[in-house]
C-alpha atoms as a PDB file:
ATOM      1  CA  MET A   1     -40.249  22.311  24.237  1.00  0.00           C
ATOM      2  CA  MET A   2     -40.393  20.805  27.742  1.00  0.00           C
ATOM      3  CA  LEU A   3     -43.134  18.400  26.666  1.00  0.00           C
ATOM      4  CA  ARG A   4     -41.119  17.377  23.626  1.00  0.00           C
ATOM      5  CA  ASN A   5     -38.015  16.742  25.750  1.00  0.00           C
ATOM      6  CA  LEU A   6     -40.060  14.649  28.190  1.00  0.00           C
ATOM      7  CA  LEU A   7     -41.433  12.610  25.293  1.00  0.00           C
ATOM      8  CA  VAL A   8     -37.962  12.037  23.839  1.00  0.00           C
ATOM      9  CA  THR A   9     -36.728  10.905  27.264  1.00  0.00           C
ATOM     10  CA  PHE A  10     -39.683   8.541  27.592  1.00  0.00           C
ATOM     11  CA  GLY A  11     -39.064   7.231  24.067  1.00  0.00           C
ATOM     12  CA  ASP A  12     -35.436   6.466  24.911  1.00  0.00           C
ATOM     13  CA  SER A  13     -36.225   4.774  28.225  1.00  0.00           C
ATOM     14  CA  LEU A  14     -36.781   1.285  26.809  1.00  0.00           C
ATOM     15  CA  TYR A  15     -33.437   1.360  24.999  1.00  0.00           C
ATOM     16  CA  TYR A  16     -31.508   2.391  28.094  1.00  0.00           C
ATOM     17  CA  TRP A  17     -33.391  -0.165  30.190  1.00  0.00           C
ATOM     18  CA  LEU A  18     -32.389  -2.941  27.785  1.00  0.00           C
ATOM     19  CA  LEU A  19     -28.796  -1.744  27.696  1.00  0.00           C
ATOM     20  CA  SER A  20     -28.608  -1.528  31.497  1.00  0.00           C
ATOM     21  CA  ARG A  21     -30.130  -4.980  31.859  1.00  0.00           C
ATOM     22  CA  GLU A  22     -27.748  -6.615  29.417  1.00  0.00           C
ATOM     23  CA  LEU A  23     -24.696  -4.953  30.995  1.00  0.00           C
ATOM     24  CA  SER A  24     -25.720  -5.880  34.538  1.00  0.00           C
ATOM     25  CA  GLY A  25     -23.011  -8.037  36.086  1.00  0.00           C
ATOM     26  CA  MET A  26     -20.407  -7.091  33.472  1.00  0.00           C
ATOM     27  CA  LYS A  27     -17.086  -5.969  34.916  1.00  0.00           C
ATOM     28  CA  SER A  28     -15.538  -4.673  31.700  1.00  0.00           C
ATOM     29  CA  VAL A  29     -17.020  -3.249  28.499  1.00  0.00           C
ATOM     30  CA  LEU A  30     -15.410  -2.356  25.180  1.00  0.00           C
ATOM     31  CA  ASP A  31     -17.399   0.366  23.382  1.00  0.00           C
ATOM     32  CA  VAL A  32     -16.552   0.040  19.682  1.00  0.00           C
ATOM     33  CA  GLY A  33     -17.103   3.249  17.727  1.00  0.00           C
ATOM     34  CA  CYS A  34     -17.926   5.056  20.971  1.00  0.00           C
ATOM     35  CA  GLY A  35     -18.322   8.494  19.386  1.00  0.00           C
ATOM     36  CA  ALA A  36     -18.663  11.690  21.379  1.00  0.00           C
ATOM     37  CA  ARG A  37     -21.887  10.811  23.211  1.00  0.00           C
ATOM     38  CA  SER A  38     -21.943   7.107  23.946  1.00  0.00           C
ATOM     39  CA  PRO A  39     -25.221   5.689  25.301  1.00  0.00           C
ATOM     40  CA  LEU A  40     -23.106   4.125  28.065  1.00  0.00           C
ATOM     41  CA  ALA A  41     -23.122   7.577  29.678  1.00  0.00           C
ATOM     42  CA  LYS A  42     -26.809   7.007  30.525  1.00  0.00           C
ATOM     43  CA  VAL A  43     -26.612   3.601  32.176  1.00  0.00           C
ATOM     44  CA  PRO A  44     -25.374   2.770  35.695  1.00  0.00           C
ATOM     45  CA  LYS A  45     -21.568   2.651  35.558  1.00  0.00           C
ATOM     46  CA  THR A  46     -20.861  -0.616  37.363  1.00  0.00           C
ATOM     47  CA  PHE A  47     -18.033  -1.618  35.022  1.00  0.00           C
ATOM     48  CA  ARG A  48     -14.728  -0.427  33.630  1.00  0.00           C
ATOM     49  CA  SER A  49     -15.117   0.747  30.045  1.00  0.00           C
ATOM     50  CA  VAL A  50     -12.797   1.443  27.138  1.00  0.00           C
ATOM     51  CA  GLY A  51     -13.941   3.567  24.201  1.00  0.00           C
ATOM     52  CA  VAL A  52     -12.601   3.034  20.678  1.00  0.00           C
ATOM     53  CA  ASP A  53     -13.083   5.548  17.880  1.00  0.00           C
ATOM     54  CA  ILE A  54     -11.209   6.679  14.784  1.00  0.00           C
ATOM     55  CA  PHE A  55     -12.276  10.341  14.992  1.00  0.00           C
ATOM     56  CA  GLU A  56     -10.079  12.314  17.378  1.00  0.00           C
ATOM     57  CA  GLU A  57     -12.587  15.096  17.989  1.00  0.00           C
ATOM     58  CA  SER A  58     -15.194  12.566  19.160  1.00  0.00           C
ATOM     59  CA  ILE A  59     -12.690  11.001  21.551  1.00  0.00           C
ATOM     60  CA  GLN A  60     -11.826  14.401  23.021  1.00  0.00           C
ATOM     61  CA  LYS A  61     -15.504  15.282  23.550  1.00  0.00           C
ATOM     62  CA  SER A  62     -16.095  11.931  25.216  1.00  0.00           C
ATOM     63  CA  LYS A  63     -13.064  12.429  27.445  1.00  0.00           C
ATOM     64  CA  ARG A  64     -14.379  15.818  28.584  1.00  0.00           C
ATOM     65  CA  ALA A  65     -17.645  14.127  29.511  1.00  0.00           C
ATOM     66  CA  HIS A  66     -15.726  11.414  31.438  1.00  0.00           C
ATOM     67  CA  ILE A  67     -17.721   8.623  29.808  1.00  0.00           C
ATOM     68  CA  HIS A  68     -14.993   5.967  29.660  1.00  0.00           C
ATOM     69  CA  ASP A  69     -12.054   4.998  31.840  1.00  0.00           C
ATOM     70  CA  GLU A  70      -9.718   4.666  28.874  1.00  0.00           C
ATOM     71  CA  TYR A  71      -9.661   5.516  25.166  1.00  0.00           C
ATOM     72  CA  VAL A  72      -8.004   4.040  22.102  1.00  0.00           C
ATOM     73  CA  ARG A  73      -7.956   5.857  18.789  1.00  0.00           C
ATOM     74  CA  SER A  74      -8.259   3.206  16.113  1.00  0.00           C
ATOM     75  CA  ASP A  75     -10.152   2.027  13.075  1.00  0.00           C
ATOM     76  CA  VAL A  76     -12.786  -0.331  14.489  1.00  0.00           C
ATOM     77  CA  ALA A  77     -11.674  -2.932  11.948  1.00  0.00           C
ATOM     78  CA  GLN A  78      -8.493  -3.300  14.022  1.00  0.00           C
ATOM     79  CA  ILE A  79     -10.043  -4.265  17.358  1.00  0.00           C
ATOM     80  CA  GLY A  80      -9.079  -7.899  16.832  1.00  0.00           C
ATOM     81  CA  GLU A  81      -5.458  -6.790  16.690  1.00  0.00           C
ATOM     82  CA  LYS A  82      -5.659  -4.104  19.393  1.00  0.00           C
ATOM     83  CA  PHE A  83      -7.296  -6.268  22.062  1.00  0.00           C
ATOM     84  CA  ARG A  84      -6.651  -9.803  23.255  1.00  0.00           C
ATOM     85  CA  SER A  85      -9.156 -12.599  22.771  1.00  0.00           C
ATOM     86  CA  LYS A  86     -11.747 -12.755  25.582  1.00  0.00           C
ATOM     87  CA  SER A  87     -10.399  -9.586  27.188  1.00  0.00           C
ATOM     88  CA  PHE A  88     -13.769  -7.850  27.915  1.00  0.00           C
ATOM     89  CA  ASP A  89     -16.929  -9.240  29.457  1.00  0.00           C
ATOM     90  CA  ALA A  90     -19.047  -7.350  26.918  1.00  0.00           C
ATOM     91  CA  VAL A  91     -18.276  -5.724  23.589  1.00  0.00           C
ATOM     92  CA  VAL A  92     -20.830  -3.233  22.281  1.00  0.00           C
ATOM     93  CA  ALA A  93     -21.320  -1.397  18.980  1.00  0.00           C
ATOM     94  CA  LEU A  94     -24.141   1.134  19.326  1.00  0.00           C
ATOM     95  CA  ASP A  95     -25.105   3.017  16.169  1.00  0.00           C
ATOM     96  CA  LEU A  96     -21.894   1.905  14.464  1.00  0.00           C
ATOM     97  CA  ILE A  97     -22.302  -1.047  12.121  1.00  0.00           C
ATOM     98  CA  GLU A  98     -24.424   0.915   9.632  1.00  0.00           C
ATOM     99  CA  HIS A  99     -21.387   3.158   9.035  1.00  0.00           C
ATOM    100  CA  LEU A 100     -19.486   0.190   7.592  1.00  0.00           C
ATOM    101  CA  THR A 101     -20.000  -1.780   4.399  1.00  0.00           C
ATOM    102  CA  LYS A 102     -21.795  -5.092   4.849  1.00  0.00           C
ATOM    103  CA  ASP A 103     -18.537  -7.013   4.438  1.00  0.00           C
ATOM    104  CA  GLU A 104     -16.747  -4.793   6.963  1.00  0.00           C
ATOM    105  CA  GLY A 105     -19.644  -5.183   9.383  1.00  0.00           C
ATOM    106  CA  GLU A 106     -19.617  -8.961   9.154  1.00  0.00           C
ATOM    107  CA  LYS A 107     -15.883  -9.001   9.890  1.00  0.00           C
ATOM    108  CA  LEU A 108     -16.422  -6.627  12.806  1.00  0.00           C
ATOM    109  CA  ILE A 109     -19.007  -8.963  14.352  1.00  0.00           C
ATOM    110  CA  LEU A 110     -16.501 -11.836  14.230  1.00  0.00           C
ATOM    111  CA  SER A 111     -13.858  -9.658  15.895  1.00  0.00           C
ATOM    112  CA  MET A 112     -16.319  -8.569  18.592  1.00  0.00           C
ATOM    113  CA  GLU A 113     -17.149 -12.201  19.317  1.00  0.00           C
ATOM    114  CA  ARG A 114     -13.457 -13.020  19.710  1.00  0.00           C
ATOM    115  CA  VAL A 115     -12.790 -10.133  22.098  1.00  0.00           C
ATOM    116  CA  ALA A 116     -15.916 -10.707  24.221  1.00  0.00           C
ATOM    117  CA  ARG A 117     -15.990 -13.168  27.122  1.00  0.00           C
ATOM    118  CA  LYS A 118     -19.751 -13.087  27.707  1.00  0.00           C
ATOM    119  CA  LYS A 119     -21.781 -10.842  25.406  1.00  0.00           C
ATOM    120  CA  VAL A 120     -21.844  -8.940  22.145  1.00  0.00           C
ATOM    121  CA  ILE A 121     -24.422  -6.143  21.876  1.00  0.00           C
ATOM    122  CA  ILE A 122     -25.259  -4.292  18.655  1.00  0.00           C
ATOM    123  CA  MET A 123     -27.775  -1.505  18.084  1.00  0.00           C
ATOM    124  CA  THR A 124     -28.519  -0.313  14.550  1.00  0.00           C
ATOM    125  CA  PRO A 125     -31.381   1.005  12.392  1.00  0.00           C
ATOM    126  CA  ASN A 126     -33.708  -1.594  10.903  1.00  0.00           C
ATOM    127  CA  GLY A 127     -32.752  -1.468   7.228  1.00  0.00           C
ATOM    128  CA  PHE A 128     -30.859   1.169   5.268  1.00  0.00           C
ATOM    129  CA  TYR A 129     -31.324   4.884   5.936  1.00  0.00           C
ATOM    130  CA  MET A 130     -29.420   7.486   3.972  1.00  0.00           C
ATOM    131  CA  GLN A 131     -27.186   9.666   6.121  1.00  0.00           C
ATOM    132  CA  GLU A 132     -24.469  12.078   5.067  1.00  0.00           C
ATOM    133  CA  PRO A 133     -21.516  13.209   7.228  1.00  0.00           C
ATOM    134  CA  TYR A 134     -22.329  15.796   9.894  1.00  0.00           C
ATOM    135  CA  GLU A 135     -20.622  17.625  12.785  1.00  0.00           C
ATOM    136  CA  ALA A 136     -17.501  17.712  10.555  1.00  0.00           C
ATOM    137  CA  ASN A 137     -17.189  13.944  10.987  1.00  0.00           C
ATOM    138  CA  PRO A 138     -16.711  12.169   7.636  1.00  0.00           C
ATOM    139  CA  TYR A 139     -17.295   8.774   9.283  1.00  0.00           C
ATOM    140  CA  GLN A 140     -20.968   9.514   9.985  1.00  0.00           C
ATOM    141  CA  VAL A 141     -22.106   8.466   6.504  1.00  0.00           C
ATOM    142  CA  HIS A 142     -24.254   5.325   6.322  1.00  0.00           C
ATOM    143  CA  LYS A 143     -22.937   2.524   4.114  1.00  0.00           C
ATOM    144  CA  SER A 144     -25.163  -0.469   4.903  1.00  0.00           C
ATOM    145  CA  GLY A 145     -28.520  -1.571   6.239  1.00  0.00           C
ATOM    146  CA  TRP A 146     -29.090  -4.443   8.669  1.00  0.00           C
ATOM    147  CA  GLU A 147     -32.237  -6.452   9.284  1.00  0.00           C
ATOM    148  CA  THR A 148     -33.391  -8.977  11.879  1.00  0.00           C
ATOM    149  CA  ASP A 149     -32.270 -12.017   9.884  1.00  0.00           C
ATOM    150  CA  ASP A 150     -28.730 -10.644   9.612  1.00  0.00           C
ATOM    151  CA  PHE A 151     -28.426 -11.145  13.371  1.00  0.00           C
ATOM    152  CA  THR A 152     -30.635 -14.135  14.136  1.00  0.00           C
ATOM    153  CA  LYS A 153     -28.723 -16.302  11.661  1.00  0.00           C
ATOM    154  CA  ARG A 154     -25.586 -15.474  13.662  1.00  0.00           C
ATOM    155  CA  GLY A 155     -27.140 -16.533  16.955  1.00  0.00           C
ATOM    156  CA  PHE A 156     -28.322 -13.132  18.221  1.00  0.00           C
ATOM    157  CA  LYS A 157     -31.545 -12.455  20.072  1.00  0.00           C
ATOM    158  CA  VAL A 158     -33.091  -9.331  18.541  1.00  0.00           C
ATOM    159  CA  TRP A 159     -35.411  -6.806  20.186  1.00  0.00           C
ATOM    160  CA  GLY A 160     -37.272  -3.957  18.513  1.00  0.00           C
ATOM    161  CA  ILE A 161     -36.861  -0.395  19.851  1.00  0.00           C
ATOM    162  CA  ARG A 162     -37.735   3.232  19.020  1.00  0.00           C
ATOM    163  CA  GLY A 163     -41.248   2.485  17.770  1.00  0.00           C
ATOM    164  CA  LEU A 164     -42.771   1.768  14.388  1.00  0.00           C
ATOM    165  CA  LYS A 165     -40.270   1.767  11.547  1.00  0.00           C
ATOM    166  CA  VAL A 166     -42.667   3.566   9.199  1.00  0.00           C
ATOM    167  CA  LEU A 167     -42.811   6.634  11.466  1.00  0.00           C
ATOM    168  CA  ARG A 168     -39.146   7.602  11.150  1.00  0.00           C
ATOM    169  CA  GLY A 169     -36.854   8.651   8.312  1.00  0.00           C
ATOM    170  CA  GLU A 170     -33.282   9.923   7.975  1.00  0.00           C
ATOM    171  CA  TYR A 171     -31.468  10.805  11.222  1.00  0.00           C
ATOM    172  CA  ALA A 172     -34.286   8.919  13.018  1.00  0.00           C
ATOM    173  CA  THR A 173     -36.543  11.974  12.690  1.00  0.00           C
ATOM    174  CA  ILE A 174     -40.336  11.676  12.841  1.00  0.00           C
ATOM    175  CA  ARG A 175     -41.657  11.834   9.265  1.00  0.00           C
ATOM    176  CA  TRP A 176     -44.937  13.707   9.795  1.00  0.00           C
ATOM    177  CA  LYS A 177     -46.428  16.692  11.584  1.00  0.00           C
ATOM    178  CA  PRO A 178     -47.612  17.538  14.125  1.00  0.00           C
ATOM    179  CA  TRP A 179     -44.521  16.043  15.754  1.00  0.00           C
ATOM    180  CA  ILE A 180     -46.114  15.774  19.178  1.00  0.00           C
ATOM    181  CA  ILE A 181     -48.807  13.380  17.929  1.00  0.00           C
ATOM    182  CA  TRP A 182     -46.604  11.128  15.812  1.00  0.00           C
ATOM    183  CA  GLY A 183     -43.791  11.300  18.361  1.00  0.00           C
ATOM    184  CA  THR A 184     -46.203  10.089  21.030  1.00  0.00           C
ATOM    185  CA  ILE A 185     -47.368   7.229  18.815  1.00  0.00           C
ATOM    186  CA  SER A 186     -43.740   6.288  18.125  1.00  0.00           C
ATOM    187  CA  ALA A 187     -42.821   6.301  21.822  1.00  0.00           C
ATOM    188  CA  LEU A 188     -45.840   4.253  22.873  1.00  0.00           C
ATOM    189  CA  SER A 189     -45.609   1.767  20.012  1.00  0.00           C
ATOM    190  CA  GLN A 190     -42.131   0.569  20.960  1.00  0.00           C
ATOM    191  CA  TYR A 191     -43.395  -1.346  24.007  1.00  0.00           C
ATOM    192  CA  PRO A 192     -45.676  -3.806  22.188  1.00  0.00           C
ATOM    193  CA  LEU A 193     -43.148  -3.926  19.330  1.00  0.00           C
ATOM    194  CA  LEU A 194     -40.295  -4.982  21.609  1.00  0.00           C
ATOM    195  CA  TRP A 195     -41.004  -8.577  20.512  1.00  0.00           C
ATOM    196  CA  PHE A 196     -41.547  -7.614  16.858  1.00  0.00           C
ATOM    197  CA  PRO A 197     -38.217  -6.178  15.682  1.00  0.00           C
ATOM    198  CA  ARG A 198     -39.100  -6.476  11.986  1.00  0.00           C
ATOM    199  CA  LEU A 199     -41.664  -3.690  12.472  1.00  0.00           C
ATOM    200  CA  SER A 200     -39.455  -1.496  14.659  1.00  0.00           C
ATOM    201  CA  HIS A 201     -37.259   1.416  13.666  1.00  0.00           C
ATOM    202  CA  GLN A 202     -34.133   0.090  15.382  1.00  0.00           C
ATOM    203  CA  LEU A 203     -32.754  -3.299  16.306  1.00  0.00           C
ATOM    204  CA  PHE A 204     -31.143  -4.223  19.627  1.00  0.00           C
ATOM    205  CA  ALA A 205     -29.240  -7.474  19.138  1.00  0.00           C
ATOM    206  CA  VAL A 206     -27.590  -9.529  21.889  1.00  0.00           C
ATOM    207  CA  LYS A 207     -25.445 -12.647  21.618  1.00  0.00           C
ATOM    208  CA  HIS A 208     -24.089 -14.721  24.476  1.00  0.00           C
ATOM    209  CA  VAL A 209     -20.642 -16.017  23.591  1.00  0.00           C
ATOM    210  CA  GLN A 210     -18.693 -18.879  25.127  1.00  0.00           C
END
């Protein structure tokens, strides 16, 4: 179990490095669809952050973990109405956009770009993966799949993370056994695949806004 945990931590390290790098120098961050365990909890907190989520239980869990400085309970589709234009240095949506329909996701991206002063950051699976609600949260169902071209055509730079796409299935679980072998291959493969997002399990997309 200890070896598995170490491997998972190593596998996540590239993602958190990218997130930390892109948030360096930001003074304020809006975390859209923050959930109960936002990845922002694992990066250096050099900024003021506001978490937005529609599910009250997730907000309460996040509050107990002291992840954000402030919380707003809201449908993420309303962020353009809840927050002023250019009111946060960075606006992030990490493991969120796949929970919206494609049309809703496209509208969300436009709203994020309006609210952000400097950057918009999105992390999502590469393509569609079935996922049903879990942890009593009906909003966890997946409704859309996003690919590299969906972001590059909107001016995003896209990186590949979490290793080879073919190695993972629903809930980002390793498809084959023994887990330790395929998990190791997945963790190691993400480094050369950083520049090949089409082959990677997840996409990390960044856009600089004016």
